[in-house]
Amino acid sequence: MLALEGIVAGSEGFELRADLRLEAPGRVAVIGPSGAGKSTMLDVIAGFRAPASGRVTWQGRDLTALPPGQRPVATLFQDNNLFPHLTLHENLALALRPRGGRLTAEERERIAAALERMGLSDLSGRKPGAVSGGQASRAALARVTLQDRPVMLLDEPFAALGPALKAEMLAELARVAGEMEALALLVTHDPADARAFAERTILVAEGVAAPPRETAAIFADPPEALRAYLGA
């Protein structure tokens, strides 16, 4: 279980409050207006932002004081986190050796297998600028799988993709999360993404991250803040 217990976080006059628990494994959407605190919540979980108060726990273990690299968390941002001067293979290698160094035979096999699962074996020697947006998204997702962390945080990673390709990537993400038995949190502005991907949905609005509800239920009977956001 991932828990945010009495979290208060923010800066420059903005404050996010969160007090919720998420059972693992599972697929969770995080939805709400721009500037409401969705990314702030993910930053607190990942360790990129320290809360003013409260704590983050995973399976009962307090993570609040741990740096990002020591947390059981992998993060994928909208820009895919790919280094443009490195090949796809080299980008994936960073998941196993963040500080560089010579890969073992086993590590090379793991990278090759991750690329193959994403249909990228023939593109491993190309740089991100030499592949399509969908292929870059697949490479970034492959790198997350190599980190092999039980919590996956995804901050609008497919927002720049067209509808058909985004639907394909959401399905791929659901498959990967299921195989890894991970807890996956997907930030999105699109209710269709939440319906397609998530079993549960967290509404973040007016500086509050509400406890998760079943996705079908929250959209069938949305709270007032979600109604206003959807224009319903």
C-alpha atoms as a PDB file:
ATOM      1  CA  MET A   1       0.000   0.000   0.000  1.00  0.00           C
ATOM      2  CA  LEU A   2       1.131   3.541  -0.835  1.00  0.00           C
ATOM      3  CA  ALA A   3      -0.077   6.100   1.693  1.00  0.00           C
ATOM      4  CA  LEU A   4       0.027   9.891   1.814  1.00  0.00           C
ATOM      5  CA  GLU A   5      -0.622  10.734   5.434  1.00  0.00           C
ATOM      6  CA  GLY A   6      -1.485  14.338   6.237  1.00  0.00           C
ATOM      7  CA  ILE A   7       0.602  15.682   3.374  1.00  0.00           C
ATOM      8  CA  VAL A   8       0.875  19.442   2.947  1.00  0.00           C
ATOM      9  CA  ALA A   9       3.176  20.583   0.130  1.00  0.00           C
ATOM     10  CA  GLY A  10       3.610  23.541  -2.193  1.00  0.00           C
ATOM     11  CA  SER A  11       5.434  26.782  -2.873  1.00  0.00           C
ATOM     12  CA  GLU A  12       4.843  30.446  -3.723  1.00  0.00           C
ATOM     13  CA  GLY A  13       1.397  30.655  -2.222  1.00  0.00           C
ATOM     14  CA  PHE A  14       0.166  27.271  -3.495  1.00  0.00           C
ATOM     15  CA  GLU A  15      -0.628  24.441  -1.104  1.00  0.00           C
ATOM     16  CA  LEU A  16      -1.636  20.846  -1.829  1.00  0.00           C
ATOM     17  CA  ARG A  17      -3.219  18.659   0.820  1.00  0.00           C
ATOM     18  CA  ALA A  18      -3.423  14.886   0.477  1.00  0.00           C
ATOM     19  CA  ASP A  19      -4.515  12.165   2.855  1.00  0.00           C
ATOM     20  CA  LEU A  20      -5.146   8.940   0.964  1.00  0.00           C
ATOM     21  CA  ARG A  21      -4.183   5.300   0.533  1.00  0.00           C
ATOM     22  CA  LEU A  22      -3.670   3.255  -2.609  1.00  0.00           C
ATOM     23  CA  GLU A  23      -3.744  -0.530  -2.662  1.00  0.00           C
ATOM     24  CA  ALA A  24      -1.121  -2.231  -4.801  1.00  0.00           C
ATOM     25  CA  PRO A  25      -0.976  -3.465  -7.461  1.00  0.00           C
ATOM     26  CA  GLY A  26      -3.391  -1.329  -9.418  1.00  0.00           C
ATOM     27  CA  ARG A  27      -3.941   1.341 -12.068  1.00  0.00           C
ATOM     28  CA  VAL A  28      -4.899   4.817 -10.877  1.00  0.00           C
ATOM     29  CA  ALA A  29      -5.657   7.992 -12.839  1.00  0.00           C
ATOM     30  CA  VAL A  30      -4.966  11.423 -11.365  1.00  0.00           C
ATOM     31  CA  ILE A  31      -7.201  14.050 -12.955  1.00  0.00           C
ATOM     32  CA  GLY A  32      -8.077  17.685 -12.358  1.00  0.00           C
ATOM     33  CA  PRO A  33      -7.571  21.253 -13.576  1.00  0.00           C
ATOM     34  CA  SER A  34      -4.175  22.653 -14.515  1.00  0.00           C
ATOM     35  CA  GLY A  35      -2.369  24.028 -11.487  1.00  0.00           C
ATOM     36  CA  ALA A  36      -4.471  22.014  -9.030  1.00  0.00           C
ATOM     37  CA  GLY A  37      -1.496  20.041  -7.703  1.00  0.00           C
ATOM     38  CA  LYS A  38      -1.376  16.786  -9.696  1.00  0.00           C
ATOM     39  CA  SER A  39       2.328  17.039 -10.503  1.00  0.00           C
ATOM     40  CA  THR A  40       3.062  18.280  -6.990  1.00  0.00           C
ATOM     41  CA  MET A  41       1.532  15.099  -5.595  1.00  0.00           C
ATOM     42  CA  LEU A  42       3.700  12.931  -7.852  1.00  0.00           C
ATOM     43  CA  ASP A  43       6.787  14.961  -6.935  1.00  0.00           C
ATOM     44  CA  VAL A  44       6.132  14.326  -3.238  1.00  0.00           C
ATOM     45  CA  ILE A  45       5.755  10.584  -3.832  1.00  0.00           C
ATOM     46  CA  ALA A  46       8.907  10.448  -5.968  1.00  0.00           C
ATOM     47  CA  GLY A  47      10.949  12.507  -3.529  1.00  0.00           C
ATOM     48  CA  PHE A  48      11.541  15.490  -5.828  1.00  0.00           C
ATOM     49  CA  ARG A  49       9.674  17.750  -3.408  1.00  0.00           C
ATOM     50  CA  ALA A  50       9.707  17.559   0.389  1.00  0.00           C
ATOM     51  CA  PRO A  51       6.337  18.092   2.086  1.00  0.00           C
ATOM     52  CA  ALA A  52       5.964  20.800   4.693  1.00  0.00           C
ATOM     53  CA  SER A  53       4.201  18.242   6.851  1.00  0.00           C
ATOM     54  CA  GLY A  54       2.950  14.678   6.698  1.00  0.00           C
ATOM     55  CA  ARG A  55       4.651  11.546   5.433  1.00  0.00           C
ATOM     56  CA  VAL A  56       4.749   9.118   2.504  1.00  0.00           C
ATOM     57  CA  THR A  57       4.809   5.402   3.258  1.00  0.00           C
ATOM     58  CA  TRP A  58       5.111   2.268   1.143  1.00  0.00           C
ATOM     59  CA  GLN A  59       4.079  -1.049   2.674  1.00  0.00           C
ATOM     60  CA  GLY A  60       4.355   0.644   6.079  1.00  0.00           C
ATOM     61  CA  ARG A  61       7.888   1.948   5.469  1.00  0.00           C
ATOM     62  CA  ASP A  62       8.366   5.712   5.836  1.00  0.00           C
ATOM     63  CA  LEU A  63       9.871   7.119   2.614  1.00  0.00           C
ATOM     64  CA  THR A  64       9.582  10.807   3.460  1.00  0.00           C
ATOM     65  CA  ALA A  65      13.256  11.461   4.175  1.00  0.00           C
ATOM     66  CA  LEU A  66      14.630   9.213   1.396  1.00  0.00           C
ATOM     67  CA  PRO A  67      16.105  10.696  -1.800  1.00  0.00           C
ATOM     68  CA  PRO A  68      14.456   9.720  -5.114  1.00  0.00           C
ATOM     69  CA  GLY A  69      17.032   7.065  -5.986  1.00  0.00           C
ATOM     70  CA  GLN A  70      16.341   5.137  -2.799  1.00  0.00           C
ATOM     71  CA  ARG A  71      12.565   5.024  -3.229  1.00  0.00           C
ATOM     72  CA  PRO A  72      10.677   2.112  -4.831  1.00  0.00           C
ATOM     73  CA  VAL A  73       9.467   4.532  -7.495  1.00  0.00           C
ATOM     74  CA  ALA A  74      10.057   4.989 -11.242  1.00  0.00           C
ATOM     75  CA  THR A  75       8.893   8.208 -12.924  1.00  0.00           C
ATOM     76  CA  LEU A  76       8.057   8.971 -16.544  1.00  0.00           C
ATOM     77  CA  PHE A  77       7.462  12.579 -17.566  1.00  0.00           C
ATOM     78  CA  GLN A  78       5.822  14.106 -20.628  1.00  0.00           C
ATOM     79  CA  ASP A  79       9.168  14.667 -22.356  1.00  0.00           C
ATOM     80  CA  ASN A  80       9.994  10.952 -21.949  1.00  0.00           C
ATOM     81  CA  ASN A  81      13.248  11.600 -20.015  1.00  0.00           C
ATOM     82  CA  LEU A  82      15.297  10.457 -23.013  1.00  0.00           C
ATOM     83  CA  PHE A  83      18.731  11.995 -23.564  1.00  0.00           C
ATOM     84  CA  PRO A  84      18.916  13.166 -27.202  1.00  0.00           C
ATOM     85  CA  HIS A  85      22.660  12.499 -27.556  1.00  0.00           C
ATOM     86  CA  LEU A  86      22.316   8.830 -26.554  1.00  0.00           C
ATOM     87  CA  THR A  87      20.939   5.915 -28.550  1.00  0.00           C
ATOM     88  CA  LEU A  88      17.807   4.113 -27.360  1.00  0.00           C
ATOM     89  CA  HIS A  89      20.018   1.280 -26.088  1.00  0.00           C
ATOM     90  CA  GLU A  90      22.197   3.740 -24.166  1.00  0.00           C
ATOM     91  CA  ASN A  91      19.154   5.484 -22.733  1.00  0.00           C
ATOM     92  CA  LEU A  92      17.790   2.184 -21.451  1.00  0.00           C
ATOM     93  CA  ALA A  93      21.191   1.292 -20.002  1.00  0.00           C
ATOM     94  CA  LEU A  94      20.849   4.242 -17.622  1.00  0.00           C
ATOM     95  CA  ALA A  95      18.004   2.427 -15.886  1.00  0.00           C
ATOM     96  CA  LEU A  96      20.481  -0.255 -14.825  1.00  0.00           C
ATOM     97  CA  ARG A  97      23.598   1.876 -14.461  1.00  0.00           C
ATOM     98  CA  PRO A  98      22.621   5.506 -13.755  1.00  0.00           C
ATOM     99  CA  ARG A  99      26.261   6.506 -13.295  1.00  0.00           C
ATOM    100  CA  GLY A 100      27.443   4.728 -16.418  1.00  0.00           C
ATOM    101  CA  GLY A 101      29.945   1.943 -16.618  1.00  0.00           C
ATOM    102  CA  ARG A 102      30.354  -1.320 -18.479  1.00  0.00           C
ATOM    103  CA  LEU A 103      27.229  -3.461 -18.779  1.00  0.00           C
ATOM    104  CA  THR A 104      27.323  -7.124 -17.864  1.00  0.00           C
ATOM    105  CA  ALA A 105      26.116  -9.757 -20.324  1.00  0.00           C
ATOM    106  CA  GLU A 106      22.969 -10.209 -18.233  1.00  0.00           C
ATOM    107  CA  GLU A 107      22.264  -6.471 -18.315  1.00  0.00           C
ATOM    108  CA  ARG A 108      22.688  -6.350 -22.089  1.00  0.00           C
ATOM    109  CA  GLU A 109      20.233  -9.237 -22.387  1.00  0.00           C
ATOM    110  CA  ARG A 110      17.700  -7.429 -20.189  1.00  0.00           C
ATOM    111  CA  ILE A 111      17.939  -4.301 -22.353  1.00  0.00           C
ATOM    112  CA  ALA A 112      17.570  -6.334 -25.534  1.00  0.00           C
ATOM    113  CA  ALA A 113      14.521  -8.101 -24.102  1.00  0.00           C
ATOM    114  CA  ALA A 114      12.934  -4.782 -23.062  1.00  0.00           C
ATOM    115  CA  LEU A 115      13.463  -3.333 -26.537  1.00  0.00           C
ATOM    116  CA  GLU A 116      12.055  -6.469 -28.136  1.00  0.00           C
ATOM    117  CA  ARG A 117       8.897  -6.334 -25.977  1.00  0.00           C
ATOM    118  CA  MET A 118       8.300  -2.814 -27.240  1.00  0.00           C
ATOM    119  CA  GLY A 119       9.011  -3.694 -30.867  1.00  0.00           C
ATOM    120  CA  LEU A 120      12.182  -1.580 -30.919  1.00  0.00           C
ATOM    121  CA  SER A 121      14.916  -4.150 -31.481  1.00  0.00           C
ATOM    122  CA  ASP A 122      15.776  -2.782 -34.928  1.00  0.00           C
ATOM    123  CA  LEU A 123      15.971   0.783 -33.609  1.00  0.00           C
ATOM    124  CA  SER A 124      18.259   0.269 -30.615  1.00  0.00           C
ATOM    125  CA  GLY A 125      21.138   2.131 -32.261  1.00  0.00           C
ATOM    126  CA  ARG A 126      19.088   5.194 -33.155  1.00  0.00           C
ATOM    127  CA  LYS A 127      18.861   8.378 -31.137  1.00  0.00           C
ATOM    128  CA  PRO A 128      15.475   9.713 -29.934  1.00  0.00           C
ATOM    129  CA  GLY A 129      15.383  12.377 -32.642  1.00  0.00           C
ATOM    130  CA  ALA A 130      15.610   9.683 -35.327  1.00  0.00           C
ATOM    131  CA  VAL A 131      12.498   7.759 -34.247  1.00  0.00           C
ATOM    132  CA  SER A 132       8.799   8.615 -34.148  1.00  0.00           C
ATOM    133  CA  GLY A 133       7.028  10.025 -31.104  1.00  0.00           C
ATOM    134  CA  GLY A 134       5.357   6.701 -30.460  1.00  0.00           C
ATOM    135  CA  GLN A 135       8.650   4.831 -30.690  1.00  0.00           C
ATOM    136  CA  ALA A 136      10.266   7.288 -28.271  1.00  0.00           C
ATOM    137  CA  SER A 137       7.365   6.780 -25.861  1.00  0.00           C
ATOM    138  CA  ARG A 138       7.845   3.032 -26.068  1.00  0.00           C
ATOM    139  CA  ALA A 139      11.558   3.409 -25.368  1.00  0.00           C
ATOM    140  CA  ALA A 140      10.841   5.566 -22.323  1.00  0.00           C
ATOM    141  CA  LEU A 141       8.325   3.037 -21.047  1.00  0.00           C
ATOM    142  CA  ALA A 142      10.849   0.252 -21.628  1.00  0.00           C
ATOM    143  CA  ARG A 143      13.363   2.124 -19.487  1.00  0.00           C
ATOM    144  CA  VAL A 144      10.801   2.380 -16.679  1.00  0.00           C
ATOM    145  CA  THR A 145      10.240  -1.388 -16.814  1.00  0.00           C
ATOM    146  CA  LEU A 146      13.984  -1.987 -16.507  1.00  0.00           C
ATOM    147  CA  GLN A 147      14.043  -0.001 -13.263  1.00  0.00           C
ATOM    148  CA  ASP A 148      11.725  -2.698 -11.913  1.00  0.00           C
ATOM    149  CA  ARG A 149      10.146  -0.521  -9.214  1.00  0.00           C
ATOM    150  CA  PRO A 150       6.766  -1.435  -7.682  1.00  0.00           C
ATOM    151  CA  VAL A 151       5.434   2.140  -8.011  1.00  0.00           C
ATOM    152  CA  MET A 152       5.236   3.811 -11.433  1.00  0.00           C
ATOM    153  CA  LEU A 153       4.467   7.532 -11.696  1.00  0.00           C
ATOM    154  CA  LEU A 154       3.514   8.832 -15.134  1.00  0.00           C
ATOM    155  CA  ASP A 155       3.000  12.570 -15.606  1.00  0.00           C
ATOM    156  CA  GLU A 156       1.093  12.944 -18.908  1.00  0.00           C
ATOM    157  CA  PRO A 157       3.681  10.876 -20.804  1.00  0.00           C
ATOM    158  CA  PHE A 158       1.501  10.446 -23.903  1.00  0.00           C
ATOM    159  CA  ALA A 159      -0.102  13.902 -24.073  1.00  0.00           C
ATOM    160  CA  ALA A 160       1.719  14.833 -27.292  1.00  0.00           C
ATOM    161  CA  LEU A 161       0.562  11.704 -29.163  1.00  0.00           C
ATOM    162  CA  GLY A 162      -2.435  11.484 -31.474  1.00  0.00           C
ATOM    163  CA  PRO A 163      -5.610   9.733 -30.258  1.00  0.00           C
ATOM    164  CA  ALA A 164      -4.949   6.344 -31.882  1.00  0.00           C
ATOM    165  CA  LEU A 165      -1.324   6.165 -30.776  1.00  0.00           C
ATOM    166  CA  LYS A 166      -2.185   7.373 -27.272  1.00  0.00           C
ATOM    167  CA  ALA A 167      -4.810   4.644 -26.942  1.00  0.00           C
ATOM    168  CA  GLU A 168      -2.205   2.090 -28.044  1.00  0.00           C
ATOM    169  CA  MET A 169       0.298   3.368 -25.458  1.00  0.00           C
ATOM    170  CA  LEU A 170      -2.291   3.350 -22.661  1.00  0.00           C
ATOM    171  CA  ALA A 171      -3.052  -0.278 -23.470  1.00  0.00           C
ATOM    172  CA  GLU A 172       0.673  -1.051 -23.492  1.00  0.00           C
ATOM    173  CA  LEU A 173       1.096   0.696 -20.143  1.00  0.00           C
ATOM    174  CA  ALA A 174      -1.752  -1.306 -18.644  1.00  0.00           C
ATOM    175  CA  ARG A 175      -0.165  -4.520 -19.929  1.00  0.00           C
ATOM    176  CA  VAL A 176       3.259  -3.628 -18.522  1.00  0.00           C
ATOM    177  CA  ALA A 177       1.869  -2.560 -15.142  1.00  0.00           C
ATOM    178  CA  GLY A 178      -0.042  -5.823 -14.935  1.00  0.00           C
ATOM    179  CA  GLU A 179       3.005  -7.916 -15.778  1.00  0.00           C
ATOM    180  CA  MET A 180       5.081  -6.063 -13.178  1.00  0.00           C
ATOM    181  CA  GLU A 181       2.281  -6.180 -10.592  1.00  0.00           C
ATOM    182  CA  ALA A 182       2.976  -2.481 -10.068  1.00  0.00           C
ATOM    183  CA  LEU A 183       0.967   0.402  -8.705  1.00  0.00           C
ATOM    184  CA  ALA A 184       0.757   2.823 -11.646  1.00  0.00           C
ATOM    185  CA  LEU A 185      -0.401   6.435 -11.224  1.00  0.00           C
ATOM    186  CA  LEU A 186      -1.170   8.256 -14.464  1.00  0.00           C
ATOM    187  CA  VAL A 187      -1.674  12.034 -14.487  1.00  0.00           C
ATOM    188  CA  THR A 188      -3.993  13.093 -17.294  1.00  0.00           C
ATOM    189  CA  HIS A 189      -6.280  15.940 -18.328  1.00  0.00           C
ATOM    190  CA  ASP A 190      -8.395  13.627 -20.471  1.00  0.00           C
ATOM    191  CA  PRO A 191     -11.278  11.732 -18.829  1.00  0.00           C
ATOM    192  CA  ALA A 192     -11.147   9.244 -21.724  1.00  0.00           C
ATOM    193  CA  ASP A 193      -7.613   8.282 -20.615  1.00  0.00           C
ATOM    194  CA  ALA A 194      -8.828   7.638 -17.084  1.00  0.00           C
ATOM    195  CA  ARG A 195     -11.723   5.496 -18.307  1.00  0.00           C
ATOM    196  CA  ALA A 196      -9.480   3.508 -20.643  1.00  0.00           C
ATOM    197  CA  PHE A 197      -6.624   2.916 -18.216  1.00  0.00           C
ATOM    198  CA  ALA A 198      -7.591   3.268 -14.590  1.00  0.00           C
ATOM    199  CA  GLU A 199      -9.434   1.080 -12.135  1.00  0.00           C
ATOM    200  CA  ARG A 200      -9.562   3.986  -9.689  1.00  0.00           C
ATOM    201  CA  THR A 201      -9.326   7.751 -10.082  1.00  0.00           C
ATOM    202  CA  ILE A 202      -8.046  10.515  -7.813  1.00  0.00           C
ATOM    203  CA  LEU A 203      -9.528  13.977  -8.304  1.00  0.00           C
ATOM    204  CA  VAL A 204      -7.140  16.830  -7.524  1.00  0.00           C
ATOM    205  CA  ALA A 205      -8.935  20.165  -7.317  1.00  0.00           C
ATOM    206  CA  GLU A 206      -8.727  23.365  -5.288  1.00  0.00           C
ATOM    207  CA  GLY A 207      -5.507  22.224  -3.638  1.00  0.00           C
ATOM    208  CA  VAL A 208      -6.878  18.904  -2.359  1.00  0.00           C
ATOM    209  CA  ALA A 209      -6.127  15.376  -3.597  1.00  0.00           C
ATOM    210  CA  ALA A 210      -9.260  13.405  -2.773  1.00  0.00           C
ATOM    211  CA  PRO A 211      -9.156   9.706  -1.848  1.00  0.00           C
ATOM    212  CA  PRO A 212      -9.493   7.436  -4.901  1.00  0.00           C
ATOM    213  CA  ARG A 213     -12.839   6.209  -6.163  1.00  0.00           C
ATOM    214  CA  GLU A 214     -13.699   3.553  -8.712  1.00  0.00           C
ATOM    215  CA  THR A 215     -13.296   5.174 -12.110  1.00  0.00           C
ATOM    216  CA  ALA A 216     -16.707   4.178 -13.439  1.00  0.00           C
ATOM    217  CA  ALA A 217     -18.386   5.440 -10.285  1.00  0.00           C
ATOM    218  CA  ILE A 218     -16.671   8.829 -10.138  1.00  0.00           C
ATOM    219  CA  PHE A 219     -17.601   9.636 -13.732  1.00  0.00           C
ATOM    220  CA  ALA A 220     -21.142   8.285 -13.355  1.00  0.00           C
ATOM    221  CA  ASP A 221     -21.719  10.530 -10.337  1.00  0.00           C
ATOM    222  CA  PRO A 222     -18.980  13.178 -10.376  1.00  0.00           C
ATOM    223  CA  PRO A 223     -18.429  15.484  -7.394  1.00  0.00           C
ATOM    224  CA  GLU A 224     -19.042  19.183  -7.993  1.00  0.00           C
ATOM    225  CA  ALA A 225     -15.368  19.976  -8.607  1.00  0.00           C
ATOM    226  CA  LEU A 226     -15.178  17.298 -11.309  1.00  0.00           C
ATOM    227  CA  ARG A 227     -18.445  18.477 -12.851  1.00  0.00           C
ATOM    228  CA  ALA A 228     -17.015  21.974 -13.121  1.00  0.00           C
ATOM    229  CA  TYR A 229     -13.794  20.650 -14.651  1.00  0.00           C
ATOM    230  CA  LEU A 230     -15.654  18.520 -17.194  1.00  0.00           C
ATOM    231  CA  GLY A 231     -18.139  21.275 -17.973  1.00  0.00           C
ATOM    232  CA  ALA A 232     -20.976  18.924 -17.083  1.00  0.00           C
END
